[in-house]
Amino acid sequence: MKIKKLLHYYLRSKANIFLFVLFSAAIIISVLLLQGLLRILIPLGCVFAYLTTSSLILFSRRGAQEIVNVKDEDRSRNIAQTITQYEKIRERVSFLRIGDTEVQKAIEYFLLISGSYLEKCRELKTYSPTANHAIDEVLTICQLYLEELDESATEKRYTINDNEDFTDYKQKTLKNIKALTRTIKEKMTEDLVGLSRQDQFKIIKELKE
């Protein structure tokens, strides 16, 4: 890891924040209470002591642990944000109003499986990029279905012939929703901790973006 990146993580660590506050307080007190040359020398000494102490910690085992802790906190926060993002996408699917019983049942099953999946993501503090993509795809498919339904109703109202049979489109929609739901279920039952190496690399790449 580059020294610039190491420094970035260390500056955000609890150890550095503690030292910074401690030496900053010493500098402020020195400036307020001391007079003459000491008013300059003591604060400069505090700055030097802070930089020296921080350098020693940064390249020590303690510093390495502090950096790892900050990286872990970043990773956990980014994972939580990603899970929240897909919870919102799932919620948007739940708000869709679809009258067709078959399509509605397929969506209800998707909501059941995806809800369980996201709960497990929260519990294990990880996720599957493949399952997340499936959730996103279900929303897109449902939105396209509603658009096609609306277009088909308009064409029927104005007796406009359409080469594509809406019944076939409905069956394609059902097939796709069920297939994507199976994908989510498979990723969940395979245990998220045991993600494939490919999915692990995808997560790492997503968190770095």
C-alpha atoms as a PDB file:
ATOM      1  CA  MET A   1       0.000   0.000   0.000  1.00  0.00           C
ATOM      2  CA  LYS A   2       1.324   3.462  -0.898  1.00  0.00           C
ATOM      3  CA  ILE A   3       2.564   5.686   1.925  1.00  0.00           C
ATOM      4  CA  LYS A   4      -0.036   8.321   0.980  1.00  0.00           C
ATOM      5  CA  LYS A   5      -2.828   5.795   1.479  1.00  0.00           C
ATOM      6  CA  LEU A   6      -1.319   4.564   4.749  1.00  0.00           C
ATOM      7  CA  LEU A   7      -1.112   8.138   6.004  1.00  0.00           C
ATOM      8  CA  HIS A   8      -4.723   8.774   4.988  1.00  0.00           C
ATOM      9  CA  TYR A   9      -5.940   5.814   7.046  1.00  0.00           C
ATOM     10  CA  TYR A  10      -3.658   6.633  10.001  1.00  0.00           C
ATOM     11  CA  LEU A  11      -4.797  10.265  10.196  1.00  0.00           C
ATOM     12  CA  ARG A  12      -8.372   9.005  10.626  1.00  0.00           C
ATOM     13  CA  SER A  13      -7.415   6.474  13.308  1.00  0.00           C
ATOM     14  CA  LYS A  14      -8.417   6.804  16.964  1.00  0.00           C
ATOM     15  CA  ALA A  15      -4.774   6.835  18.060  1.00  0.00           C
ATOM     16  CA  ASN A  16      -3.930   9.799  15.851  1.00  0.00           C
ATOM     17  CA  ILE A  17      -7.092  11.688  16.779  1.00  0.00           C
ATOM     18  CA  PHE A  18      -6.227  11.233  20.475  1.00  0.00           C
ATOM     19  CA  LEU A  19      -2.656  12.482  19.952  1.00  0.00           C
ATOM     20  CA  PHE A  20      -3.822  15.404  17.829  1.00  0.00           C
ATOM     21  CA  VAL A  21      -6.337  16.534  20.469  1.00  0.00           C
ATOM     22  CA  LEU A  22      -3.790  16.066  23.265  1.00  0.00           C
ATOM     23  CA  PHE A  23      -1.005  18.068  21.615  1.00  0.00           C
ATOM     24  CA  SER A  24      -3.443  20.681  20.284  1.00  0.00           C
ATOM     25  CA  ALA A  25      -4.685  21.254  23.817  1.00  0.00           C
ATOM     26  CA  ALA A  26      -1.086  21.571  25.036  1.00  0.00           C
ATOM     27  CA  ILE A  27      -0.347  24.129  22.311  1.00  0.00           C
ATOM     28  CA  ILE A  28      -3.440  26.199  23.106  1.00  0.00           C
ATOM     29  CA  ILE A  29      -2.696  26.182  26.847  1.00  0.00           C
ATOM     30  CA  SER A  30       0.929  27.157  26.193  1.00  0.00           C
ATOM     31  CA  VAL A  31      -0.072  30.074  23.990  1.00  0.00           C
ATOM     32  CA  LEU A  32      -2.623  31.295  26.541  1.00  0.00           C
ATOM     33  CA  LEU A  33      -0.582  30.875  29.736  1.00  0.00           C
ATOM     34  CA  LEU A  34       3.085  31.285  28.800  1.00  0.00           C
ATOM     35  CA  GLN A  35       4.903  34.437  27.905  1.00  0.00           C
ATOM     36  CA  GLY A  36       8.041  35.453  26.101  1.00  0.00           C
ATOM     37  CA  LEU A  37      10.182  32.891  24.306  1.00  0.00           C
ATOM     38  CA  LEU A  38       8.479  29.934  26.006  1.00  0.00           C
ATOM     39  CA  ARG A  39       5.227  30.936  24.309  1.00  0.00           C
ATOM     40  CA  ILE A  40       6.914  30.076  20.997  1.00  0.00           C
ATOM     41  CA  LEU A  41       9.247  27.237  21.974  1.00  0.00           C
ATOM     42  CA  ILE A  42       6.742  25.093  23.854  1.00  0.00           C
ATOM     43  CA  PRO A  43       4.141  25.026  21.022  1.00  0.00           C
ATOM     44  CA  LEU A  44       6.905  24.271  18.501  1.00  0.00           C
ATOM     45  CA  GLY A  45       8.108  21.493  20.789  1.00  0.00           C
ATOM     46  CA  CYS A  46       4.568  20.112  20.949  1.00  0.00           C
ATOM     47  CA  VAL A  47       4.334  20.090  17.148  1.00  0.00           C
ATOM     48  CA  PHE A  48       7.678  18.300  16.892  1.00  0.00           C
ATOM     49  CA  ALA A  49       6.648  15.806  19.598  1.00  0.00           C
ATOM     50  CA  TYR A  50       3.346  15.144  17.813  1.00  0.00           C
ATOM     51  CA  LEU A  51       5.028  14.530  14.451  1.00  0.00           C
ATOM     52  CA  THR A  52       7.677  12.300  16.014  1.00  0.00           C
ATOM     53  CA  THR A  53       5.195  10.254  18.047  1.00  0.00           C
ATOM     54  CA  SER A  54       2.859   9.876  15.076  1.00  0.00           C
ATOM     55  CA  SER A  55       5.718   8.734  12.836  1.00  0.00           C
ATOM     56  CA  LEU A  56       6.796   6.119  15.379  1.00  0.00           C
ATOM     57  CA  ILE A  57       3.240   4.813  15.759  1.00  0.00           C
ATOM     58  CA  LEU A  58       2.562   4.858  12.015  1.00  0.00           C
ATOM     59  CA  PHE A  59       5.383   2.427  11.279  1.00  0.00           C
ATOM     60  CA  SER A  60       4.819   0.272  14.355  1.00  0.00           C
ATOM     61  CA  ARG A  61       2.610  -2.770  14.930  1.00  0.00           C
ATOM     62  CA  ARG A  62       0.150  -0.496  16.741  1.00  0.00           C
ATOM     63  CA  GLY A  63      -0.025   1.777  13.722  1.00  0.00           C
ATOM     64  CA  ALA A  64      -0.623  -1.178  11.403  1.00  0.00           C
ATOM     65  CA  GLN A  65      -3.512  -2.305  13.606  1.00  0.00           C
ATOM     66  CA  GLU A  66      -4.988   1.205  13.652  1.00  0.00           C
ATOM     67  CA  ILE A  67      -4.858   1.313   9.847  1.00  0.00           C
ATOM     68  CA  VAL A  68      -6.528  -2.106   9.587  1.00  0.00           C
ATOM     69  CA  ASN A  69      -9.265  -0.949  11.970  1.00  0.00           C
ATOM     70  CA  VAL A  70     -10.006   2.139   9.863  1.00  0.00           C
ATOM     71  CA  LYS A  71     -10.066   0.044   6.677  1.00  0.00           C
ATOM     72  CA  ASP A  72     -12.469  -2.433   8.302  1.00  0.00           C
ATOM     73  CA  GLU A  73     -14.734   0.410   9.410  1.00  0.00           C
ATOM     74  CA  ASP A  74     -14.766   1.801   5.862  1.00  0.00           C
ATOM     75  CA  ARG A  75     -15.557  -1.619   4.427  1.00  0.00           C
ATOM     76  CA  SER A  76     -18.388  -2.234   6.914  1.00  0.00           C
ATOM     77  CA  ARG A  77     -19.871   1.198   6.231  1.00  0.00           C
ATOM     78  CA  ASN A  78     -19.721   0.740   2.446  1.00  0.00           C
ATOM     79  CA  ILE A  79     -21.277  -2.720   2.684  1.00  0.00           C
ATOM     80  CA  ALA A  80     -24.086  -1.334   4.870  1.00  0.00           C
ATOM     81  CA  GLN A  81     -24.691   1.450   2.343  1.00  0.00           C
ATOM     82  CA  THR A  82     -24.834  -1.072  -0.513  1.00  0.00           C
ATOM     83  CA  ILE A  83     -27.328  -3.245   1.366  1.00  0.00           C
ATOM     84  CA  THR A  84     -29.467  -0.169   2.095  1.00  0.00           C
ATOM     85  CA  GLN A  85     -29.367   0.737  -1.610  1.00  0.00           C
ATOM     86  CA  TYR A  86     -30.816  -2.648  -2.601  1.00  0.00           C
ATOM     87  CA  GLU A  87     -33.344  -2.579   0.224  1.00  0.00           C
ATOM     88  CA  LYS A  88     -34.676   0.620  -1.333  1.00  0.00           C
ATOM     89  CA  ILE A  89     -34.797  -1.023  -4.787  1.00  0.00           C
ATOM     90  CA  ARG A  90     -36.729  -3.969  -3.301  1.00  0.00           C
ATOM     91  CA  GLU A  91     -39.070  -1.486  -1.612  1.00  0.00           C
ATOM     92  CA  ARG A  92     -39.754   0.184  -4.968  1.00  0.00           C
ATOM     93  CA  VAL A  93     -40.787  -3.200  -6.358  1.00  0.00           C
ATOM     94  CA  SER A  94     -43.154  -3.695  -3.407  1.00  0.00           C
ATOM     95  CA  PHE A  95     -44.853  -0.365  -4.202  1.00  0.00           C
ATOM     96  CA  LEU A  96     -45.673  -1.353  -7.787  1.00  0.00           C
ATOM     97  CA  ARG A  97     -49.370  -1.942  -8.410  1.00  0.00           C
ATOM     98  CA  ILE A  98     -49.861  -4.917 -10.709  1.00  0.00           C
ATOM     99  CA  GLY A  99     -53.326  -6.360 -11.187  1.00  0.00           C
ATOM    100  CA  ASP A 100     -52.419  -9.650 -12.851  1.00  0.00           C
ATOM    101  CA  THR A 101     -52.594 -12.420 -10.234  1.00  0.00           C
ATOM    102  CA  GLU A 102     -49.788 -14.555 -11.684  1.00  0.00           C
ATOM    103  CA  VAL A 103     -47.348 -11.684 -11.994  1.00  0.00           C
ATOM    104  CA  GLN A 104     -48.300 -10.418  -8.540  1.00  0.00           C
ATOM    105  CA  LYS A 105     -47.630 -13.828  -6.986  1.00  0.00           C
ATOM    106  CA  ALA A 106     -44.251 -14.021  -8.706  1.00  0.00           C
ATOM    107  CA  ILE A 107     -43.405 -10.589  -7.296  1.00  0.00           C
ATOM    108  CA  GLU A 108     -44.599 -11.578  -3.809  1.00  0.00           C
ATOM    109  CA  TYR A 109     -42.302 -14.611  -3.894  1.00  0.00           C
ATOM    110  CA  PHE A 110     -39.448 -12.387  -5.059  1.00  0.00           C
ATOM    111  CA  LEU A 111     -40.121  -9.985  -2.165  1.00  0.00           C
ATOM    112  CA  LEU A 112     -40.092 -12.901   0.282  1.00  0.00           C
ATOM    113  CA  ILE A 113     -36.796 -14.344  -0.976  1.00  0.00           C
ATOM    114  CA  SER A 114     -35.059 -10.991  -1.490  1.00  0.00           C
ATOM    115  CA  GLY A 115     -36.180  -9.863   1.973  1.00  0.00           C
ATOM    116  CA  SER A 116     -34.630 -12.957   3.554  1.00  0.00           C
ATOM    117  CA  TYR A 117     -31.482 -12.454   1.485  1.00  0.00           C
ATOM    118  CA  LEU A 118     -31.045  -8.826   2.578  1.00  0.00           C
ATOM    119  CA  GLU A 119     -31.650  -9.756   6.216  1.00  0.00           C
ATOM    120  CA  LYS A 120     -28.876 -12.311   5.949  1.00  0.00           C
ATOM    121  CA  CYS A 121     -26.646  -9.693   4.331  1.00  0.00           C
ATOM    122  CA  ARG A 122     -27.195  -7.455   7.363  1.00  0.00           C
ATOM    123  CA  GLU A 123     -26.482 -10.336   9.708  1.00  0.00           C
ATOM    124  CA  LEU A 124     -23.261 -11.440   7.988  1.00  0.00           C
ATOM    125  CA  LYS A 125     -22.188  -7.941   6.892  1.00  0.00           C
ATOM    126  CA  THR A 126     -21.592  -8.957   3.302  1.00  0.00           C
ATOM    127  CA  TYR A 127     -23.539  -9.364   0.073  1.00  0.00           C
ATOM    128  CA  SER A 128     -23.588 -11.084  -3.288  1.00  0.00           C
ATOM    129  CA  PRO A 129     -23.070  -8.821  -6.334  1.00  0.00           C
ATOM    130  CA  THR A 130     -24.933 -11.399  -8.440  1.00  0.00           C
ATOM    131  CA  ALA A 131     -27.970 -11.378  -6.124  1.00  0.00           C
ATOM    132  CA  ASN A 132     -27.920  -7.572  -5.951  1.00  0.00           C
ATOM    133  CA  HIS A 133     -27.912  -7.392  -9.737  1.00  0.00           C
ATOM    134  CA  ALA A 134     -30.898  -9.766  -9.796  1.00  0.00           C
ATOM    135  CA  ILE A 135     -32.857  -7.428  -7.479  1.00  0.00           C
ATOM    136  CA  ASP A 136     -32.080  -4.507  -9.777  1.00  0.00           C
ATOM    137  CA  GLU A 137     -33.141  -6.541 -12.821  1.00  0.00           C
ATOM    138  CA  VAL A 138     -36.498  -7.464 -11.267  1.00  0.00           C
ATOM    139  CA  LEU A 139     -37.333  -3.781 -10.803  1.00  0.00           C
ATOM    140  CA  THR A 140     -36.435  -3.054 -14.435  1.00  0.00           C
ATOM    141  CA  ILE A 141     -38.481  -6.018 -15.704  1.00  0.00           C
ATOM    142  CA  CYS A 142     -41.521  -4.968 -13.660  1.00  0.00           C
ATOM    143  CA  GLN A 143     -41.299  -1.388 -14.883  1.00  0.00           C
ATOM    144  CA  LEU A 144     -41.057  -2.571 -18.495  1.00  0.00           C
ATOM    145  CA  TYR A 145     -44.022  -4.896 -17.926  1.00  0.00           C
ATOM    146  CA  LEU A 146     -46.147  -2.002 -16.670  1.00  0.00           C
ATOM    147  CA  GLU A 147     -45.085   0.146 -19.616  1.00  0.00           C
ATOM    148  CA  GLU A 148     -45.976  -2.629 -22.040  1.00  0.00           C
ATOM    149  CA  LEU A 149     -49.281  -3.200 -20.242  1.00  0.00           C
ATOM    150  CA  ASP A 150     -50.141   0.478 -20.536  1.00  0.00           C
ATOM    151  CA  GLU A 151     -49.138   0.533 -24.205  1.00  0.00           C
ATOM    152  CA  SER A 152     -51.194  -2.594 -24.906  1.00  0.00           C
ATOM    153  CA  ALA A 153     -54.254  -1.062 -23.217  1.00  0.00           C
ATOM    154  CA  THR A 154     -53.863   2.103 -25.287  1.00  0.00           C
ATOM    155  CA  GLU A 155     -53.575   0.120 -28.525  1.00  0.00           C
ATOM    156  CA  LYS A 156     -56.648  -1.921 -27.617  1.00  0.00           C
ATOM    157  CA  ARG A 157     -58.610   1.222 -26.860  1.00  0.00           C
ATOM    158  CA  TYR A 158     -57.790   2.720 -30.242  1.00  0.00           C
ATOM    159  CA  THR A 159     -57.938  -0.623 -32.093  1.00  0.00           C
ATOM    160  CA  ILE A 160     -54.293  -0.491 -33.144  1.00  0.00           C
ATOM    161  CA  ASN A 161     -52.759  -3.813 -34.155  1.00  0.00           C
ATOM    162  CA  ASP A 162     -49.533  -4.825 -32.415  1.00  0.00           C
ATOM    163  CA  ASN A 163     -47.306  -7.530 -33.820  1.00  0.00           C
ATOM    164  CA  GLU A 164     -46.254  -8.604 -30.311  1.00  0.00           C
ATOM    165  CA  ASP A 165     -48.782 -10.605 -28.314  1.00  0.00           C
ATOM    166  CA  PHE A 166     -49.023  -9.253 -24.770  1.00  0.00           C
ATOM    167  CA  THR A 167     -49.693 -12.743 -23.438  1.00  0.00           C
ATOM    168  CA  ASP A 168     -46.251 -13.803 -24.651  1.00  0.00           C
ATOM    169  CA  TYR A 169     -44.720 -10.720 -23.038  1.00  0.00           C
ATOM    170  CA  LYS A 170     -46.411 -11.592 -19.752  1.00  0.00           C
ATOM    171  CA  GLN A 171     -45.000 -15.122 -19.865  1.00  0.00           C
ATOM    172  CA  LYS A 172     -41.516 -13.750 -20.551  1.00  0.00           C
ATOM    173  CA  THR A 173     -41.918 -11.436 -17.567  1.00  0.00           C
ATOM    174  CA  LEU A 174     -42.984 -14.309 -15.306  1.00  0.00           C
ATOM    175  CA  LYS A 175     -40.124 -16.480 -16.521  1.00  0.00           C
ATOM    176  CA  ASN A 176     -37.536 -13.750 -15.910  1.00  0.00           C
ATOM    177  CA  ILE A 177     -38.821 -12.801 -12.439  1.00  0.00           C
ATOM    178  CA  LYS A 178     -38.866 -16.451 -11.347  1.00  0.00           C
ATOM    179  CA  ALA A 179     -35.378 -17.069 -12.758  1.00  0.00           C
ATOM    180  CA  LEU A 180     -33.945 -14.015 -10.987  1.00  0.00           C
ATOM    181  CA  THR A 181     -35.650 -15.018  -7.743  1.00  0.00           C
ATOM    182  CA  ARG A 182     -34.059 -18.462  -8.008  1.00  0.00           C
ATOM    183  CA  THR A 183     -30.674 -16.792  -8.477  1.00  0.00           C
ATOM    184  CA  ILE A 184     -31.142 -14.784  -5.269  1.00  0.00           C
ATOM    185  CA  LYS A 185     -32.274 -17.900  -3.393  1.00  0.00           C
ATOM    186  CA  GLU A 186     -29.273 -19.884  -4.630  1.00  0.00           C
ATOM    187  CA  LYS A 187     -26.857 -17.165  -3.543  1.00  0.00           C
ATOM    188  CA  MET A 188     -28.500 -17.050  -0.134  1.00  0.00           C
ATOM    189  CA  THR A 189     -28.661 -20.808   0.479  1.00  0.00           C
ATOM    190  CA  GLU A 190     -25.064 -21.239  -0.668  1.00  0.00           C
ATOM    191  CA  ASP A 191     -24.196 -19.129   2.407  1.00  0.00           C
ATOM    192  CA  LEU A 192     -22.940 -15.606   1.763  1.00  0.00           C
ATOM    193  CA  VAL A 193     -19.773 -16.249   3.764  1.00  0.00           C
ATOM    194  CA  GLY A 194     -18.770 -18.815   1.176  1.00  0.00           C
ATOM    195  CA  LEU A 195     -18.950 -16.468  -1.799  1.00  0.00           C
ATOM    196  CA  SER A 196     -17.107 -17.506  -4.910  1.00  0.00           C
ATOM    197  CA  ARG A 197     -13.725 -15.881  -5.563  1.00  0.00           C
ATOM    198  CA  GLN A 198     -15.287 -14.038  -8.506  1.00  0.00           C
ATOM    199  CA  ASP A 199     -17.995 -12.516  -6.290  1.00  0.00           C
ATOM    200  CA  GLN A 200     -15.394 -11.584  -3.657  1.00  0.00           C
ATOM    201  CA  PHE A 201     -13.373  -9.738  -6.297  1.00  0.00           C
ATOM    202  CA  LYS A 202     -16.547  -7.958  -7.444  1.00  0.00           C
ATOM    203  CA  ILE A 203     -17.212  -6.773  -3.888  1.00  0.00           C
ATOM    204  CA  ILE A 204     -13.637  -5.535  -3.475  1.00  0.00           C
ATOM    205  CA  LYS A 205     -13.871  -3.672  -6.789  1.00  0.00           C
ATOM    206  CA  GLU A 206     -17.228  -2.112  -5.863  1.00  0.00           C
ATOM    207  CA  LEU A 207     -15.941  -0.931  -2.480  1.00  0.00           C
ATOM    208  CA  LYS A 208     -12.915   0.729  -4.096  1.00  0.00           C
ATOM    209  CA  GLU A 209     -14.994   2.677  -6.639  1.00  0.00           C
END
